[in-house]
Amino acid sequence: MKRHESLVPISRQHHGGLLTARLLQHGAPPYKGMPSTPATKRDYVVAYLQEHLLPHFRLEEETVFILASDHSEELRQQVQALQAEHQQLQQLILALPDVAEQNLPDALDGVGKLLEQHIRQEERVFFEQMQQQLSDEKLTLLQQQVLEHLG
């Protein structure tokens, strides 16, 4: 299904998240200009959290999640699960500097898999249901809120 204009900016941000998720997972191919050792991947994802993920989470939580939660119980339950994953991802990433070097590849893999699963859930299930359930008026309102938030 084509993405509604209100969700396009968020979907575009997901692309960088998916690349980061794949980079962290076991067996990731080398990406030109991207970190390649567990330590540099750890440093990259900690910086990525601050620079990209936290602002992205805030955008979703202050716009999309509020509108969806007010619409239906089904969407409200999804929002609760997605918000819990935001918190879990943040905690896991912030804990990476304390992970022993020999355990770091597995810890990075876990973060990468959770981040990928989270983004795919939002894109393939949550956003699809929002587009089907919300009126054009509400989606237009969402678009205005997203654009205001992005400034």
C-alpha atoms as a PDB file:
ATOM      1  CA  MET A   1       0.000   0.000   0.000  1.00  0.00           C
ATOM      2  CA  LYS A   2       1.239   3.463  -0.835  1.00  0.00           C
ATOM      3  CA  ARG A   3       2.241   5.489   2.217  1.00  0.00           C
ATOM      4  CA  HIS A   4       0.013   8.479   3.055  1.00  0.00           C
ATOM      5  CA  GLU A   5       1.826  11.820   2.800  1.00  0.00           C
ATOM      6  CA  SER A   6       1.521  12.321   6.558  1.00  0.00           C
ATOM      7  CA  LEU A   7       3.682   9.245   7.196  1.00  0.00           C
ATOM      8  CA  VAL A   8       6.232   9.715   4.399  1.00  0.00           C
ATOM      9  CA  PRO A   9       8.740  11.763   6.467  1.00  0.00           C
ATOM     10  CA  ILE A  10       8.688   9.117   9.201  1.00  0.00           C
ATOM     11  CA  SER A  11       9.073   6.296   6.692  1.00  0.00           C
ATOM     12  CA  ARG A  12      12.082   8.077   5.181  1.00  0.00           C
ATOM     13  CA  GLN A  13      13.695   8.213   8.614  1.00  0.00           C
ATOM     14  CA  HIS A  14      13.100   4.477   8.963  1.00  0.00           C
ATOM     15  CA  HIS A  15      15.471   3.817   6.064  1.00  0.00           C
ATOM     16  CA  GLY A  16      18.480   4.959   8.112  1.00  0.00           C
ATOM     17  CA  GLY A  17      17.244   2.916  11.039  1.00  0.00           C
ATOM     18  CA  LEU A  18      17.039  -0.217   8.913  1.00  0.00           C
ATOM     19  CA  LEU A  19      20.571   0.325   7.624  1.00  0.00           C
ATOM     20  CA  THR A  20      21.810   0.740  11.192  1.00  0.00           C
ATOM     21  CA  ALA A  21      19.879  -2.338  12.318  1.00  0.00           C
ATOM     22  CA  ARG A  22      21.448  -4.451   9.586  1.00  0.00           C
ATOM     23  CA  LEU A  23      24.931  -3.059  10.313  1.00  0.00           C
ATOM     24  CA  LEU A  24      24.674  -4.279  13.922  1.00  0.00           C
ATOM     25  CA  GLN A  25      23.572  -7.824  13.127  1.00  0.00           C
ATOM     26  CA  HIS A  26      25.789 -10.888  12.808  1.00  0.00           C
ATOM     27  CA  GLY A  27      26.915 -11.479   9.257  1.00  0.00           C
ATOM     28  CA  ALA A  28      26.375  -7.905   8.111  1.00  0.00           C
ATOM     29  CA  PRO A  29      28.315  -7.139   4.939  1.00  0.00           C
ATOM     30  CA  PRO A  30      30.789  -4.279   5.080  1.00  0.00           C
ATOM     31  CA  TYR A  31      29.177  -0.968   4.203  1.00  0.00           C
ATOM     32  CA  LYS A  32      31.402   1.668   2.640  1.00  0.00           C
ATOM     33  CA  GLY A  33      32.114   4.442   5.118  1.00  0.00           C
ATOM     34  CA  MET A  34      30.404   2.615   7.986  1.00  0.00           C
ATOM     35  CA  PRO A  35      32.009   1.129  11.091  1.00  0.00           C
ATOM     36  CA  SER A  36      33.199  -2.448  10.828  1.00  0.00           C
ATOM     37  CA  THR A  37      34.426  -3.520  14.268  1.00  0.00           C
ATOM     38  CA  PRO A  38      32.224  -4.230  17.286  1.00  0.00           C
ATOM     39  CA  ALA A  39      33.687  -1.267  19.185  1.00  0.00           C
ATOM     40  CA  THR A  40      33.158   1.197  16.326  1.00  0.00           C
ATOM     41  CA  LYS A  41      29.654  -0.167  15.708  1.00  0.00           C
ATOM     42  CA  ARG A  42      28.878   0.342  19.397  1.00  0.00           C
ATOM     43  CA  ASP A  43      30.110   3.937  19.272  1.00  0.00           C
ATOM     44  CA  TYR A  44      28.160   4.519  16.065  1.00  0.00           C
ATOM     45  CA  VAL A  45      24.850   3.230  17.420  1.00  0.00           C
ATOM     46  CA  VAL A  46      25.212   5.169  20.691  1.00  0.00           C
ATOM     47  CA  ALA A  47      25.712   8.368  18.667  1.00  0.00           C
ATOM     48  CA  TYR A  48      22.907   7.325  16.285  1.00  0.00           C
ATOM     49  CA  LEU A  49      20.563   6.991  19.255  1.00  0.00           C
ATOM     50  CA  GLN A  50      21.209  10.565  20.355  1.00  0.00           C
ATOM     51  CA  GLU A  51      21.258  12.150  16.903  1.00  0.00           C
ATOM     52  CA  HIS A  52      18.518  10.209  15.124  1.00  0.00           C
ATOM     53  CA  LEU A  53      16.576   7.648  17.138  1.00  0.00           C
ATOM     54  CA  LEU A  54      15.584   9.778  20.130  1.00  0.00           C
ATOM     55  CA  PRO A  55      14.326  12.667  17.949  1.00  0.00           C
ATOM     56  CA  HIS A  56      12.534  10.103  15.764  1.00  0.00           C
ATOM     57  CA  PHE A  57      10.936   8.408  18.789  1.00  0.00           C
ATOM     58  CA  ARG A  58       9.837  11.823  20.092  1.00  0.00           C
ATOM     59  CA  LEU A  59       8.304  12.681  16.700  1.00  0.00           C
ATOM     60  CA  GLU A  60       6.316   9.445  16.647  1.00  0.00           C
ATOM     61  CA  GLU A  61       5.258   9.689  20.283  1.00  0.00           C
ATOM     62  CA  GLU A  62       4.159  13.341  20.055  1.00  0.00           C
ATOM     63  CA  THR A  63       2.253  13.016  16.775  1.00  0.00           C
ATOM     64  CA  VAL A  64       1.449   9.592  15.330  1.00  0.00           C
ATOM     65  CA  PHE A  65       1.047   7.712  18.592  1.00  0.00           C
ATOM     66  CA  ILE A  66      -1.269  10.292  20.153  1.00  0.00           C
ATOM     67  CA  LEU A  67      -3.567  10.394  17.137  1.00  0.00           C
ATOM     68  CA  ALA A  68      -3.624   6.599  16.809  1.00  0.00           C
ATOM     69  CA  SER A  69      -4.250   6.022  20.524  1.00  0.00           C
ATOM     70  CA  ASP A  70      -7.268   8.303  20.431  1.00  0.00           C
ATOM     71  CA  HIS A  71      -8.754   6.435  17.466  1.00  0.00           C
ATOM     72  CA  SER A  72      -9.202   2.801  18.490  1.00  0.00           C
ATOM     73  CA  GLU A  73      -8.343   0.247  21.143  1.00  0.00           C
ATOM     74  CA  GLU A  74      -6.493  -1.850  18.552  1.00  0.00           C
ATOM     75  CA  LEU A  75      -4.211   1.050  17.622  1.00  0.00           C
ATOM     76  CA  ARG A  76      -3.826   2.030  21.284  1.00  0.00           C
ATOM     77  CA  GLN A  77      -2.499  -1.444  22.103  1.00  0.00           C
ATOM     78  CA  GLN A  78      -0.033  -1.260  19.236  1.00  0.00           C
ATOM     79  CA  VAL A  79       1.114   2.157  20.405  1.00  0.00           C
ATOM     80  CA  GLN A  80       1.755   0.790  23.893  1.00  0.00           C
ATOM     81  CA  ALA A  81       3.873  -2.046  22.484  1.00  0.00           C
ATOM     82  CA  LEU A  82       5.793   0.295  20.175  1.00  0.00           C
ATOM     83  CA  GLN A  83       6.475   2.769  22.983  1.00  0.00           C
ATOM     84  CA  ALA A  84       7.751  -0.068  25.172  1.00  0.00           C
ATOM     85  CA  GLU A  85      10.114  -1.035  22.350  1.00  0.00           C
ATOM     86  CA  HIS A  86      11.329   2.574  22.119  1.00  0.00           C
ATOM     87  CA  GLN A  87      12.236   2.411  25.802  1.00  0.00           C
ATOM     88  CA  GLN A  88      13.805  -1.030  25.460  1.00  0.00           C
ATOM     89  CA  LEU A  89      15.919   0.044  22.484  1.00  0.00           C
ATOM     90  CA  GLN A  90      17.092   3.144  24.310  1.00  0.00           C
ATOM     91  CA  GLN A  91      18.061   1.123  27.401  1.00  0.00           C
ATOM     92  CA  LEU A  92      19.851  -1.570  25.387  1.00  0.00           C
ATOM     93  CA  ILE A  93      21.826   0.964  23.364  1.00  0.00           C
ATOM     94  CA  LEU A  94      22.776   3.026  26.405  1.00  0.00           C
ATOM     95  CA  ALA A  95      23.985  -0.152  28.125  1.00  0.00           C
ATOM     96  CA  LEU A  96      26.336  -1.091  25.245  1.00  0.00           C
ATOM     97  CA  PRO A  97      29.372   0.823  26.605  1.00  0.00           C
ATOM     98  CA  ASP A  98      29.248  -1.410  29.688  1.00  0.00           C
ATOM     99  CA  VAL A  99      29.085  -4.680  27.741  1.00  0.00           C
ATOM    100  CA  ALA A 100      32.257  -6.797  27.929  1.00  0.00           C
ATOM    101  CA  GLU A 101      34.197  -6.832  24.661  1.00  0.00           C
ATOM    102  CA  GLN A 102      33.675 -10.569  24.105  1.00  0.00           C
ATOM    103  CA  ASN A 103      29.889 -10.140  24.514  1.00  0.00           C
ATOM    104  CA  LEU A 104      29.626  -7.027  22.349  1.00  0.00           C
ATOM    105  CA  PRO A 105      28.914  -8.759  18.981  1.00  0.00           C
ATOM    106  CA  ASP A 106      25.935 -10.613  20.479  1.00  0.00           C
ATOM    107  CA  ALA A 107      24.655  -7.478  22.240  1.00  0.00           C
ATOM    108  CA  LEU A 108      24.889  -5.501  18.987  1.00  0.00           C
ATOM    109  CA  ASP A 109      23.122  -8.305  17.122  1.00  0.00           C
ATOM    110  CA  GLY A 110      20.264  -8.212  19.649  1.00  0.00           C
ATOM    111  CA  VAL A 111      19.877  -4.452  19.287  1.00  0.00           C
ATOM    112  CA  GLY A 112      19.997  -4.732  15.500  1.00  0.00           C
ATOM    113  CA  LYS A 113      17.358  -7.445  15.379  1.00  0.00           C
ATOM    114  CA  LEU A 114      15.031  -5.578  17.749  1.00  0.00           C
ATOM    115  CA  LEU A 115      15.440  -2.325  15.831  1.00  0.00           C
ATOM    116  CA  GLU A 116      14.717  -4.039  12.510  1.00  0.00           C
ATOM    117  CA  GLN A 117      11.670  -5.884  13.902  1.00  0.00           C
ATOM    118  CA  HIS A 118      10.380  -2.641  15.450  1.00  0.00           C
ATOM    119  CA  ILE A 119      10.646  -0.653  12.225  1.00  0.00           C
ATOM    120  CA  ARG A 120       9.081  -3.422  10.157  1.00  0.00           C
ATOM    121  CA  GLN A 121       6.172  -3.650  12.630  1.00  0.00           C
ATOM    122  CA  GLU A 122       5.561   0.074  12.322  1.00  0.00           C
ATOM    123  CA  GLU A 123       5.782   0.069   8.524  1.00  0.00           C
ATOM    124  CA  ARG A 124       4.026  -3.182   7.656  1.00  0.00           C
ATOM    125  CA  VAL A 125       1.345  -3.343  10.340  1.00  0.00           C
ATOM    126  CA  PHE A 126       0.870  -0.149  12.348  1.00  0.00           C
ATOM    127  CA  PHE A 127       1.085   2.411   9.525  1.00  0.00           C
ATOM    128  CA  GLU A 128      -1.024   0.225   7.248  1.00  0.00           C
ATOM    129  CA  GLN A 129      -3.780  -0.002   9.864  1.00  0.00           C
ATOM    130  CA  MET A 130      -3.603   3.717  10.534  1.00  0.00           C
ATOM    131  CA  GLN A 131      -4.072   4.464   6.846  1.00  0.00           C
ATOM    132  CA  GLN A 132      -7.047   2.123   6.663  1.00  0.00           C
ATOM    133  CA  GLN A 133      -8.749   3.289   9.867  1.00  0.00           C
ATOM    134  CA  LEU A 134      -8.103   7.031  10.072  1.00  0.00           C
ATOM    135  CA  SER A 135     -10.119   9.488   8.026  1.00  0.00           C
ATOM    136  CA  ASP A 136      -8.480  11.735   5.462  1.00  0.00           C
ATOM    137  CA  GLU A 137      -9.142  14.650   7.827  1.00  0.00           C
ATOM    138  CA  LYS A 138      -7.199  12.999  10.639  1.00  0.00           C
ATOM    139  CA  LEU A 139      -4.353  12.014   8.325  1.00  0.00           C
ATOM    140  CA  THR A 140      -4.171  15.604   7.047  1.00  0.00           C
ATOM    141  CA  LEU A 141      -4.063  16.840  10.653  1.00  0.00           C
ATOM    142  CA  LEU A 142      -1.271  14.356  11.305  1.00  0.00           C
ATOM    143  CA  GLN A 143       0.626  15.648   8.296  1.00  0.00           C
ATOM    144  CA  GLN A 144       0.443  19.206   9.681  1.00  0.00           C
ATOM    145  CA  GLN A 145       1.646  18.017  13.103  1.00  0.00           C
ATOM    146  CA  VAL A 146       4.553  16.058  11.633  1.00  0.00           C
ATOM    147  CA  LEU A 147       5.653  19.000   9.481  1.00  0.00           C
ATOM    148  CA  GLU A 148       5.418  21.383  12.449  1.00  0.00           C
ATOM    149  CA  HIS A 149       7.421  18.987  14.581  1.00  0.00           C
ATOM    150  CA  LEU A 150      10.132  18.706  11.940  1.00  0.00           C
ATOM    151  CA  GLY A 151      10.187  22.515  11.754  1.00  0.00           C
END
